Structure formats: structure tokens, C-alpha cells
Amino acid sequence: MKLSTNFHLSEITSLPVSSIPGSRLHLMLSLCKDILQPIRDFLGVPVKVTSGMRDMDEYHRLIKKGYYPSETSDHFFGVPVPIRKKYKRSKYGSLYTLSVGAVDIVPAGGASRAFKRLILNANEEDGTITLPFSGGDKKISIGQMILEKRRSYWIHISNSPLLVYSQGFVDRYLRRTHFLESLDNGQTYRRIL
């Protein structure tokens, strides 16, 4: 199933469309149509999705491979995830269900280079990136855009939580730094803006 001009459902998940609840499909469509496609069009190069929707098996596989995936990652697209960290349990309870969809991407020409181009147009205040096009600017709202590195670079990018939740709810429970960098598999993060 095509989610935008250049992105397909199979890049986000291996699940058949018939087994994806409408709310999750909406998150996938929004991510591809409203964020990934404009980024690809702005960069003018193919963009490869390297990690899409996660389940608990994928979460544990990443941990075994030496990554540090978050149990509150937007990669879960709303799938309930057991919370192990005490400080997160006090905020969210025993299950986290608030993830709004994220993917990891590698644009042709390199993720680091693409991130540097995108961050020039970023606004930390409102979590937007204004992409200049010849026909007029296109403003996209994101949840987070993180340049990450293990052996190579990739960009983690997510839907804005405002796609699903009210501003008050986001301010109370889902406030995040929009633009970050992690050069150690997600163990630590540094603010970009």
C-alpha cells in the first residue's frame, strides 16, 4: 500500500494493512505524507527507512544488539509497552500507549549531511521545520528529529504529538526537546538548537 508518492506501508511495518487498526494507519499515513515526503522532496534524493514500527520482539532484539531503545519511543505507534523505569512509571503508569509514530531514515548522500540541511530550517519553539520550495515554503510539524550514530548515522523522526493530543496534554505528559543528537546508540543526547 502506498502511503505517499515515495513511501510504502512495507517500509514501516511487515503487517498486512488488514491487521493494522485505523488509528495506527492514520499515524503511518501522516508520517509519510506530511513529514517524510516533504523532506524527501526538499532534499531531492531517495530516503531509505531503516527502522519503522516496533513491537516488543524488535525492542528486545535492539537491546541485544547494543542499542538503547526507549520504552516510550514513538516507534511503537501506540502499541502498549510495559514501563520498567521507575521514574517513567510514576508519570505514565505501568503501560505506555502514547507513542505517535516514528521511523529511522537514511537519505542518499548521508544522514549527517541531510540533518545539517534540515536543522538550518528548524524551530525548537514550535517543533517545526520550514522547507523552502520554489512554489512557496512548506512548514512541517515534528515530534522529534534526532541525528543518531552507532557505526553510521541515521535520523530518527516522529509525528508531532499534537496530531493526536491537545496542547495541554502534550505540555503535561509529552513535552520533548525537538532537535537532538546522539552519537552513542541513544545512550545520551545533546540539544542541537
N, C-alpha and C. Protein backbone atom coordinates (compact mmCIF):
# COMPACT_ATOMS: atom_id res chain seq x y z
N MET A 1 0.84 -1.18 0.00
CA MET A 1 0.00 0.00 0.00
C MET A 1 0.89 1.24 0.00
N LYS A 2 0.59 2.17 -0.89
CA LYS A 2 1.34 3.41 -1.00
C LYS A 2 0.83 4.39 0.06
N LEU A 3 1.75 4.95 0.88
CA LEU A 3 1.36 5.91 1.91
C LEU A 3 1.61 7.35 1.45
N SER A 4 2.51 7.52 0.50
CA SER A 4 2.76 8.82 -0.13
C SER A 4 3.40 8.52 -1.48
N THR A 5 3.79 9.53 -2.19
CA THR A 5 4.36 9.33 -3.52
C THR A 5 5.52 8.34 -3.51
N ASN A 6 6.40 8.43 -2.52
CA ASN A 6 7.61 7.61 -2.50
C ASN A 6 7.73 6.65 -1.32
N PHE A 7 6.72 6.55 -0.48
CA PHE A 7 6.82 5.68 0.70
C PHE A 7 5.66 4.69 0.72
N HIS A 8 6.00 3.45 1.12
CA HIS A 8 5.04 2.35 1.14
C HIS A 8 4.89 1.79 2.55
N LEU A 9 3.75 1.19 2.82
CA LEU A 9 3.48 0.58 4.11
C LEU A 9 4.55 -0.45 4.48
N SER A 10 5.04 -1.20 3.50
CA SER A 10 6.04 -2.25 3.77
C SER A 10 7.35 -1.68 4.32
N GLU A 11 7.59 -0.37 4.15
CA GLU A 11 8.79 0.26 4.72
C GLU A 11 8.61 0.55 6.21
N ILE A 12 7.37 0.64 6.66
CA ILE A 12 7.06 0.99 8.04
C ILE A 12 6.81 -0.25 8.89
N THR A 13 6.12 -1.24 8.30
CA THR A 13 5.76 -2.46 9.03
C THR A 13 5.59 -3.62 8.05
N SER A 14 5.79 -4.82 8.55
CA SER A 14 5.55 -6.01 7.73
C SER A 14 4.12 -6.52 7.90
N LEU A 15 3.34 -5.89 8.77
CA LEU A 15 1.94 -6.29 8.98
C LEU A 15 1.10 -5.99 7.74
N PRO A 16 0.16 -6.86 7.42
CA PRO A 16 -0.76 -6.54 6.32
C PRO A 16 -1.70 -5.42 6.75
N VAL A 17 -2.11 -4.59 5.81
CA VAL A 17 -2.97 -3.45 6.11
C VAL A 17 -4.24 -3.88 6.85
N SER A 18 -4.75 -5.06 6.56
CA SER A 18 -5.99 -5.53 7.20
C SER A 18 -5.84 -5.76 8.71
N SER A 19 -4.60 -5.90 9.20
CA SER A 19 -4.41 -6.14 10.64
C SER A 19 -3.94 -4.89 11.39
N ILE A 20 -3.92 -3.75 10.71
CA ILE A 20 -3.48 -2.51 11.36
C ILE A 20 -4.71 -1.68 11.73
N PRO A 21 -4.88 -1.38 13.02
CA PRO A 21 -6.02 -0.55 13.42
C PRO A 21 -5.98 0.81 12.71
N GLY A 22 -7.15 1.37 12.46
CA GLY A 22 -7.25 2.63 11.74
C GLY A 22 -6.42 3.75 12.34
N SER A 23 -6.36 3.82 13.67
CA SER A 23 -5.59 4.89 14.32
C SER A 23 -4.10 4.77 14.00
N ARG A 24 -3.57 3.54 13.99
CA ARG A 24 -2.15 3.35 13.67
C ARG A 24 -1.87 3.64 12.20
N LEU A 25 -2.79 3.23 11.34
CA LEU A 25 -2.64 3.51 9.91
C LEU A 25 -2.65 5.02 9.67
N HIS A 26 -3.49 5.74 10.40
CA HIS A 26 -3.52 7.20 10.29
C HIS A 26 -2.16 7.79 10.67
N LEU A 27 -1.54 7.29 11.73
CA LEU A 27 -0.22 7.78 12.15
C LEU A 27 0.83 7.49 11.08
N MET A 28 0.77 6.32 10.46
CA MET A 28 1.71 5.96 9.41
C MET A 28 1.52 6.85 8.18
N LEU A 29 0.27 7.07 7.80
CA LEU A 29 -0.04 7.93 6.66
C LEU A 29 0.47 9.35 6.90
N SER A 30 0.19 9.88 8.07
CA SER A 30 0.61 11.24 8.40
C SER A 30 2.13 11.37 8.37
N LEU A 31 2.81 10.41 8.96
CA LEU A 31 4.28 10.44 8.99
C LEU A 31 4.85 10.46 7.57
N CYS A 32 4.31 9.62 6.70
CA CYS A 32 4.83 9.54 5.33
C CYS A 32 4.41 10.74 4.49
N LYS A 33 3.14 11.07 4.53
CA LYS A 33 2.60 12.13 3.66
C LYS A 33 3.01 13.53 4.12
N ASP A 34 2.96 13.77 5.41
CA ASP A 34 3.15 15.13 5.93
C ASP A 34 4.57 15.44 6.39
N ILE A 35 5.41 14.41 6.59
CA ILE A 35 6.77 14.66 7.07
C ILE A 35 7.82 14.08 6.11
N LEU A 36 7.78 12.75 5.91
CA LEU A 36 8.83 12.12 5.10
C LEU A 36 8.82 12.57 3.64
N GLN A 37 7.65 12.64 3.04
CA GLN A 37 7.59 13.04 1.63
C GLN A 37 8.09 14.47 1.41
N PRO A 38 7.65 15.45 2.22
CA PRO A 38 8.21 16.80 2.05
C PRO A 38 9.73 16.85 2.28
N ILE A 39 10.22 16.06 3.25
CA ILE A 39 11.68 16.03 3.47
C ILE A 39 12.38 15.46 2.25
N ARG A 40 11.86 14.36 1.71
CA ARG A 40 12.47 13.77 0.51
C ARG A 40 12.44 14.76 -0.65
N ASP A 41 11.31 15.43 -0.84
CA ASP A 41 11.19 16.40 -1.92
C ASP A 41 12.17 17.55 -1.74
N PHE A 42 12.33 18.03 -0.50
CA PHE A 42 13.26 19.12 -0.21
C PHE A 42 14.71 18.69 -0.47
N LEU A 43 15.08 17.51 0.02
CA LEU A 43 16.45 17.04 -0.15
C LEU A 43 16.74 16.67 -1.61
N GLY A 44 15.71 16.24 -2.33
CA GLY A 44 15.87 15.88 -3.73
C GLY A 44 16.61 14.56 -3.95
N VAL A 45 16.57 13.69 -2.94
CA VAL A 45 17.23 12.39 -3.02
C VAL A 45 16.34 11.31 -2.42
N PRO A 46 16.54 10.05 -2.79
CA PRO A 46 15.80 8.97 -2.14
C PRO A 46 16.09 8.92 -0.64
N VAL A 47 15.09 8.50 0.12
CA VAL A 47 15.20 8.38 1.57
C VAL A 47 14.82 6.95 1.94
N LYS A 48 15.75 6.25 2.57
CA LYS A 48 15.51 4.86 2.96
C LYS A 48 15.06 4.80 4.42
N VAL A 49 13.96 4.10 4.66
CA VAL A 49 13.50 3.85 6.03
C VAL A 49 14.26 2.62 6.54
N THR A 50 15.02 2.78 7.62
CA THR A 50 15.82 1.68 8.15
C THR A 50 15.18 1.02 9.37
N SER A 51 14.24 1.71 10.02
CA SER A 51 13.52 1.14 11.15
C SER A 51 12.17 1.81 11.24
N GLY A 52 11.12 1.01 11.30
CA GLY A 52 9.76 1.55 11.33
C GLY A 52 9.06 1.19 12.62
N MET A 53 7.87 0.64 12.49
CA MET A 53 7.06 0.28 13.65
C MET A 53 7.73 -0.86 14.42
N ARG A 54 7.77 -0.71 15.74
CA ARG A 54 8.38 -1.72 16.59
C ARG A 54 7.33 -2.44 17.42
N ASP A 55 7.65 -3.70 17.73
CA ASP A 55 6.90 -4.45 18.73
C ASP A 55 7.91 -4.84 19.80
N MET A 56 7.48 -5.56 20.80
CA MET A 56 8.38 -5.90 21.90
C MET A 56 9.52 -6.82 21.46
N ASP A 57 9.28 -7.70 20.48
CA ASP A 57 10.35 -8.56 19.99
C ASP A 57 11.47 -7.71 19.37
N GLU A 58 11.09 -6.72 18.57
CA GLU A 58 12.07 -5.83 17.95
C GLU A 58 12.79 -5.00 19.01
N TYR A 59 12.07 -4.53 20.00
CA TYR A 59 12.66 -3.77 21.10
C TYR A 59 13.75 -4.58 21.80
N HIS A 60 13.46 -5.83 22.13
CA HIS A 60 14.45 -6.68 22.80
C HIS A 60 15.61 -7.06 21.87
N ARG A 61 15.33 -7.24 20.59
CA ARG A 61 16.40 -7.52 19.62
C ARG A 61 17.38 -6.35 19.56
N LEU A 62 16.88 -5.13 19.57
CA LEU A 62 17.74 -3.94 19.52
C LEU A 62 18.60 -3.84 20.77
N ILE A 63 18.03 -4.15 21.92
CA ILE A 63 18.81 -4.13 23.16
C ILE A 63 19.94 -5.15 23.09
N LYS A 64 19.65 -6.36 22.61
CA LYS A 64 20.68 -7.40 22.50
C LYS A 64 21.79 -7.00 21.54
N LYS A 65 21.46 -6.16 20.53
CA LYS A 65 22.47 -5.72 19.56
C LYS A 65 23.28 -4.53 20.06
N GLY A 66 23.00 -4.05 21.30
CA GLY A 66 23.78 -2.96 21.86
C GLY A 66 23.19 -1.57 21.67
N TYR A 67 21.94 -1.49 21.25
CA TYR A 67 21.27 -0.20 21.13
C TYR A 67 20.56 0.12 22.45
N TYR A 68 20.09 1.33 22.58
CA TYR A 68 19.40 1.77 23.78
C TYR A 68 18.01 2.32 23.42
N PRO A 69 17.12 1.47 22.90
CA PRO A 69 15.79 1.97 22.52
C PRO A 69 14.98 2.37 23.75
N SER A 70 14.19 3.39 23.60
CA SER A 70 13.36 3.87 24.70
C SER A 70 12.06 3.08 24.76
N GLU A 71 11.61 2.79 25.97
CA GLU A 71 10.31 2.12 26.13
C GLU A 71 9.17 3.11 25.87
N THR A 72 9.48 4.38 25.75
CA THR A 72 8.48 5.39 25.40
C THR A 72 8.72 5.93 23.98
N SER A 73 9.36 5.14 23.15
CA SER A 73 9.66 5.54 21.78
C SER A 73 8.40 5.67 20.93
N ASP A 74 8.39 6.66 20.07
CA ASP A 74 7.28 6.80 19.13
C ASP A 74 7.28 5.71 18.07
N HIS A 75 8.33 4.91 17.97
CA HIS A 75 8.38 3.78 17.03
C HIS A 75 7.26 2.77 17.30
N PHE A 76 6.67 2.78 18.49
CA PHE A 76 5.65 1.80 18.83
C PHE A 76 4.27 2.12 18.25
N PHE A 77 4.07 3.31 17.72
CA PHE A 77 2.80 3.69 17.08
C PHE A 77 1.59 3.35 17.96
N GLY A 78 1.69 3.61 19.26
CA GLY A 78 0.56 3.39 20.16
C GLY A 78 0.42 1.98 20.71
N VAL A 79 1.28 1.05 20.31
CA VAL A 79 1.26 -0.30 20.87
C VAL A 79 1.60 -0.20 22.36
N PRO A 80 0.83 -0.82 23.26
CA PRO A 80 1.14 -0.75 24.69
C PRO A 80 2.50 -1.39 25.01
N VAL A 81 3.32 -0.65 25.75
CA VAL A 81 4.66 -1.11 26.10
C VAL A 81 4.81 -1.08 27.62
N PRO A 82 5.22 -2.20 28.24
CA PRO A 82 5.44 -2.21 29.69
C PRO A 82 6.56 -1.25 30.08
N ILE A 83 6.33 -0.46 31.11
CA ILE A 83 7.32 0.51 31.59
C ILE A 83 8.12 -0.13 32.72
N ARG A 84 9.44 -0.16 32.55
CA ARG A 84 10.32 -0.73 33.57
C ARG A 84 10.95 0.35 34.45
N LYS A 85 11.25 1.49 33.87
CA LYS A 85 11.95 2.55 34.62
C LYS A 85 10.99 3.22 35.59
N LYS A 86 11.39 3.28 36.86
CA LYS A 86 10.53 3.78 37.93
C LYS A 86 10.07 5.22 37.68
N TYR A 87 10.98 6.08 37.25
CA TYR A 87 10.60 7.48 37.06
C TYR A 87 9.58 7.63 35.93
N LYS A 88 9.62 6.74 34.95
CA LYS A 88 8.62 6.78 33.87
C LYS A 88 7.30 6.19 34.34
N ARG A 89 7.35 5.17 35.20
CA ARG A 89 6.12 4.57 35.74
C ARG A 89 5.32 5.58 36.54
N SER A 90 6.02 6.43 37.30
CA SER A 90 5.31 7.42 38.11
C SER A 90 4.58 8.43 37.22
N LYS A 91 5.06 8.64 36.02
CA LYS A 91 4.43 9.60 35.10
C LYS A 91 3.36 8.96 34.22
N TYR A 92 3.64 7.73 33.71
CA TYR A 92 2.77 7.11 32.71
C TYR A 92 2.00 5.89 33.19
N GLY A 93 2.35 5.33 34.33
CA GLY A 93 1.73 4.10 34.77
C GLY A 93 2.53 2.90 34.28
N SER A 94 1.95 1.73 34.34
CA SER A 94 2.70 0.50 34.01
C SER A 94 2.79 0.23 32.51
N LEU A 95 1.93 0.85 31.71
CA LEU A 95 1.97 0.68 30.25
C LEU A 95 2.04 2.04 29.57
N TYR A 96 2.89 2.15 28.57
CA TYR A 96 2.96 3.38 27.77
C TYR A 96 2.21 3.15 26.47
N THR A 97 1.24 3.99 26.19
CA THR A 97 0.42 3.85 24.98
C THR A 97 0.37 5.14 24.16
N LEU A 98 1.21 6.11 24.50
CA LEU A 98 1.10 7.45 23.92
C LEU A 98 2.00 7.69 22.71
N SER A 99 2.67 6.68 22.20
CA SER A 99 3.57 6.88 21.07
C SER A 99 2.77 7.22 19.81
N VAL A 100 3.30 8.16 19.03
CA VAL A 100 2.55 8.68 17.88
C VAL A 100 3.17 8.36 16.52
N GLY A 101 4.18 7.51 16.50
CA GLY A 101 4.75 7.07 15.23
C GLY A 101 6.08 7.71 14.90
N ALA A 102 7.07 6.88 14.60
CA ALA A 102 8.40 7.36 14.23
C ALA A 102 9.07 6.34 13.33
N VAL A 103 10.03 6.80 12.57
CA VAL A 103 10.89 5.94 11.76
C VAL A 103 12.32 6.46 11.85
N ASP A 104 13.24 5.60 11.50
CA ASP A 104 14.63 6.00 11.31
C ASP A 104 14.88 6.00 9.81
N ILE A 105 15.55 7.04 9.33
CA ILE A 105 15.79 7.18 7.90
C ILE A 105 17.24 7.46 7.59
N VAL A 106 17.65 7.09 6.38
CA VAL A 106 18.96 7.45 5.85
C VAL A 106 18.75 7.99 4.44
N PRO A 107 18.85 9.31 4.28
CA PRO A 107 18.75 9.88 2.94
C PRO A 107 20.00 9.57 2.13
N ALA A 108 19.84 9.40 0.81
CA ALA A 108 21.00 9.23 -0.06
C ALA A 108 21.88 10.46 0.11
N GLY A 109 23.18 10.25 0.15
CA GLY A 109 24.10 11.36 0.39
C GLY A 109 24.48 11.49 1.85
N GLY A 110 23.78 10.74 2.73
CA GLY A 110 24.16 10.71 4.13
C GLY A 110 23.20 11.40 5.07
N ALA A 111 22.98 10.77 6.20
CA ALA A 111 22.06 11.30 7.20
C ALA A 111 22.62 12.55 7.86
N SER A 112 23.90 12.58 8.14
CA SER A 112 24.50 13.75 8.80
C SER A 112 24.36 14.99 7.92
N ARG A 113 24.64 14.83 6.66
CA ARG A 113 24.53 15.96 5.71
C ARG A 113 23.07 16.43 5.61
N ALA A 114 22.14 15.50 5.50
CA ALA A 114 20.72 15.84 5.40
C ALA A 114 20.25 16.54 6.69
N PHE A 115 20.67 16.02 7.84
CA PHE A 115 20.29 16.61 9.12
C PHE A 115 20.75 18.07 9.19
N LYS A 116 21.98 18.32 8.77
CA LYS A 116 22.51 19.69 8.80
C LYS A 116 21.69 20.62 7.91
N ARG A 117 21.25 20.14 6.77
CA ARG A 117 20.40 20.97 5.88
C ARG A 117 19.04 21.22 6.52
N LEU A 118 18.46 20.20 7.13
CA LEU A 118 17.14 20.34 7.74
C LEU A 118 17.17 21.23 8.98
N ILE A 119 18.20 21.11 9.78
CA ILE A 119 18.27 21.84 11.05
C ILE A 119 18.40 23.35 10.81
N LEU A 120 18.92 23.73 9.66
CA LEU A 120 19.01 25.16 9.32
C LEU A 120 17.63 25.81 9.24
N ASN A 121 16.62 25.01 8.99
CA ASN A 121 15.25 25.50 8.83
C ASN A 121 14.35 25.12 10.00
N ALA A 122 14.95 24.73 11.12
CA ALA A 122 14.19 24.21 12.26
C ALA A 122 13.88 25.29 13.29
N ASN A 123 12.76 25.09 13.98
CA ASN A 123 12.33 25.99 15.05
C ASN A 123 12.02 25.14 16.28
N GLU A 124 12.86 25.22 17.30
CA GLU A 124 12.69 24.43 18.53
C GLU A 124 11.42 24.84 19.28
N GLU A 125 11.07 26.11 19.23
CA GLU A 125 9.89 26.59 19.97
C GLU A 125 8.63 25.83 19.64
N ASP A 126 8.36 25.66 18.35
CA ASP A 126 7.11 25.00 17.98
C ASP A 126 7.31 23.64 17.30
N GLY A 127 8.55 23.16 17.24
CA GLY A 127 8.81 21.84 16.66
C GLY A 127 8.49 21.76 15.19
N THR A 128 8.86 22.81 14.45
CA THR A 128 8.59 22.81 13.02
C THR A 128 9.89 22.94 12.23
N ILE A 129 9.80 22.52 10.98
CA ILE A 129 10.87 22.72 10.01
C ILE A 129 10.20 23.38 8.80
N THR A 130 10.71 24.53 8.41
CA THR A 130 10.16 25.23 7.26
C THR A 130 11.04 24.91 6.05
N LEU A 131 10.48 24.17 5.11
CA LEU A 131 11.23 23.73 3.93
C LEU A 131 10.96 24.70 2.78
N PRO A 132 12.03 25.35 2.29
CA PRO A 132 11.84 26.28 1.19
C PRO A 132 11.72 25.54 -0.16
N PHE A 133 10.62 25.81 -0.86
CA PHE A 133 10.41 25.27 -2.20
C PHE A 133 10.18 26.44 -3.14
N SER A 134 10.42 26.24 -4.41
CA SER A 134 10.25 27.33 -5.38
C SER A 134 8.81 27.84 -5.43
N GLY A 135 7.84 26.99 -5.17
CA GLY A 135 6.43 27.40 -5.18
C GLY A 135 5.96 27.96 -3.85
N GLY A 136 6.83 28.05 -2.86
CA GLY A 136 6.47 28.55 -1.53
C GLY A 136 6.93 27.60 -0.44
N ASP A 137 7.10 28.13 0.73
CA ASP A 137 7.58 27.34 1.86
C ASP A 137 6.53 26.32 2.31
N LYS A 138 7.03 25.19 2.82
CA LYS A 138 6.18 24.14 3.39
C LYS A 138 6.66 23.95 4.83
N LYS A 139 5.76 24.19 5.79
CA LYS A 139 6.11 24.01 7.20
C LYS A 139 5.61 22.65 7.65
N ILE A 140 6.52 21.84 8.19
CA ILE A 140 6.13 20.53 8.73
C ILE A 140 6.31 20.53 10.24
N SER A 141 5.39 19.90 10.94
CA SER A 141 5.46 19.77 12.39
C SER A 141 5.97 18.38 12.73
N ILE A 142 6.95 18.34 13.60
CA ILE A 142 7.52 17.05 14.00
C ILE A 142 7.44 16.92 15.52
N GLY A 143 7.57 15.69 16.00
CA GLY A 143 7.70 15.45 17.43
C GLY A 143 9.16 15.59 17.81
N GLN A 144 10.00 14.80 17.16
CA GLN A 144 11.44 14.88 17.36
C GLN A 144 12.15 14.56 16.06
N MET A 145 13.31 15.16 15.89
CA MET A 145 14.23 14.79 14.83
C MET A 145 15.60 14.67 15.51
N ILE A 146 16.13 13.46 15.50
CA ILE A 146 17.37 13.18 16.22
C ILE A 146 18.39 12.58 15.26
N LEU A 147 19.56 13.18 15.20
CA LEU A 147 20.66 12.58 14.45
C LEU A 147 21.30 11.57 15.38
N GLU A 148 21.31 10.31 14.96
CA GLU A 148 21.86 9.24 15.81
C GLU A 148 23.00 8.54 15.08
N LYS A 149 23.89 7.94 15.88
CA LYS A 149 25.04 7.25 15.30
C LYS A 149 25.40 6.04 16.14
N ARG A 150 25.71 4.99 15.44
CA ARG A 150 26.38 3.84 16.01
C ARG A 150 27.65 3.69 15.20
N ARG A 151 27.62 2.90 14.15
CA ARG A 151 28.76 2.85 13.21
C ARG A 151 28.56 3.87 12.10
N SER A 152 27.30 4.13 11.80
CA SER A 152 26.96 5.13 10.78
C SER A 152 25.82 5.99 11.32
N TYR A 153 25.50 7.03 10.61
CA TYR A 153 24.45 7.96 11.04
C TYR A 153 23.09 7.58 10.47
N TRP A 154 22.04 7.94 11.22
CA TRP A 154 20.67 7.88 10.74
C TRP A 154 19.89 8.98 11.43
N ILE A 155 18.70 9.28 10.91
CA ILE A 155 17.85 10.31 11.51
C ILE A 155 16.57 9.64 12.01
N HIS A 156 16.30 9.84 13.28
CA HIS A 156 15.04 9.42 13.88
C HIS A 156 14.09 10.61 13.71
N ILE A 157 12.89 10.35 13.20
CA ILE A 157 11.92 11.44 13.02
C ILE A 157 10.52 10.93 13.36
N SER A 158 9.76 11.76 14.09
CA SER A 158 8.44 11.31 14.55
C SER A 158 7.36 12.36 14.27
N ASN A 159 6.13 11.85 14.29
CA ASN A 159 4.96 12.73 14.22
C ASN A 159 4.94 13.65 15.42
N SER A 160 4.32 14.80 15.25
CA SER A 160 4.06 15.67 16.39
C SER A 160 2.98 15.03 17.24
N PRO A 161 3.12 15.04 18.56
CA PRO A 161 2.04 14.51 19.41
C PRO A 161 0.76 15.32 19.29
N LEU A 162 0.87 16.56 18.77
CA LEU A 162 -0.33 17.39 18.57
C LEU A 162 -1.24 16.84 17.48
N LEU A 163 -0.73 15.88 16.71
CA LEU A 163 -1.56 15.19 15.72
C LEU A 163 -2.70 14.44 16.41
N VAL A 164 -2.45 14.00 17.64
CA VAL A 164 -3.40 13.16 18.37
C VAL A 164 -3.90 13.82 19.66
N TYR A 165 -3.02 14.52 20.35
CA TYR A 165 -3.33 15.02 21.69
C TYR A 165 -3.42 16.55 21.72
N SER A 166 -4.13 17.07 22.72
CA SER A 166 -4.28 18.52 22.88
C SER A 166 -2.97 19.14 23.37
N GLN A 167 -2.84 20.44 23.19
CA GLN A 167 -1.64 21.15 23.64
C GLN A 167 -1.43 20.98 25.14
N GLY A 168 -2.51 21.07 25.93
CA GLY A 168 -2.40 20.91 27.38
C GLY A 168 -1.87 19.54 27.76
N PHE A 169 -2.36 18.50 27.10
CA PHE A 169 -1.91 17.14 27.37
C PHE A 169 -0.44 16.99 26.99
N VAL A 170 -0.07 17.53 25.84
CA VAL A 170 1.32 17.45 25.38
C VAL A 170 2.23 18.18 26.37
N ASP A 171 1.84 19.37 26.80
CA ASP A 171 2.65 20.13 27.75
C ASP A 171 2.85 19.36 29.05
N ARG A 172 1.84 18.65 29.48
CA ARG A 172 1.93 17.94 30.76
C ARG A 172 2.66 16.59 30.66
N TYR A 173 2.41 15.83 29.58
CA TYR A 173 2.92 14.47 29.52
C TYR A 173 3.92 14.19 28.39
N LEU A 174 3.87 14.94 27.33
CA LEU A 174 4.65 14.57 26.15
C LEU A 174 5.63 15.64 25.70
N ARG A 175 5.95 16.60 26.52
CA ARG A 175 6.89 17.65 26.17
C ARG A 175 8.27 17.04 25.95
N ARG A 176 8.85 17.31 24.79
CA ARG A 176 10.17 16.76 24.46
C ARG A 176 11.00 17.83 23.77
N THR A 177 12.30 17.67 23.83
CA THR A 177 13.18 18.51 23.04
C THR A 177 13.06 18.03 21.61
N HIS A 178 12.81 18.94 20.69
CA HIS A 178 12.52 18.56 19.31
C HIS A 178 13.74 18.12 18.51
N PHE A 179 14.87 18.79 18.70
CA PHE A 179 16.03 18.55 17.84
C PHE A 179 17.24 18.16 18.69
N LEU A 180 17.68 16.91 18.51
CA LEU A 180 18.74 16.34 19.34
C LEU A 180 19.77 15.61 18.48
N GLU A 181 20.86 15.23 19.15
CA GLU A 181 21.89 14.40 18.53
C GLU A 181 22.35 13.38 19.55
N SER A 182 22.54 12.13 19.12
CA SER A 182 23.10 11.08 19.98
C SER A 182 24.15 10.34 19.18
N LEU A 183 25.36 10.33 19.68
CA LEU A 183 26.45 9.68 18.96
C LEU A 183 26.87 8.37 19.63
N ASP A 184 26.04 7.87 20.55
CA ASP A 184 26.39 6.64 21.28
C ASP A 184 25.21 5.68 21.38
N ASN A 185 24.55 5.43 20.26
CA ASN A 185 23.43 4.47 20.20
C ASN A 185 22.24 4.86 21.03
N GLY A 186 22.05 6.12 21.30
CA GLY A 186 20.89 6.55 22.09
C GLY A 186 21.09 6.48 23.59
N GLN A 187 22.34 6.35 24.02
CA GLN A 187 22.62 6.30 25.46
C GLN A 187 22.52 7.70 26.07
N THR A 188 23.05 8.71 25.36
CA THR A 188 22.98 10.10 25.80
C THR A 188 22.58 10.97 24.61
N TYR A 189 22.05 12.15 24.93
CA TYR A 189 21.59 13.08 23.89
C TYR A 189 22.11 14.47 24.17
N ARG A 190 22.26 15.23 23.07
CA ARG A 190 22.71 16.62 23.15
C ARG A 190 21.72 17.47 22.36
N ARG A 191 21.32 18.60 22.95
CA ARG A 191 20.43 19.55 22.27
C ARG A 191 21.15 20.13 21.06
N ILE A 192 20.44 20.33 19.97
CA ILE A 192 21.00 20.93 18.77
C ILE A 192 20.71 22.42 18.73
N LEU A 193 19.50 22.83 19.06
CA LEU A 193 19.12 24.25 19.00
C LEU A 193 18.97 24.81 20.38
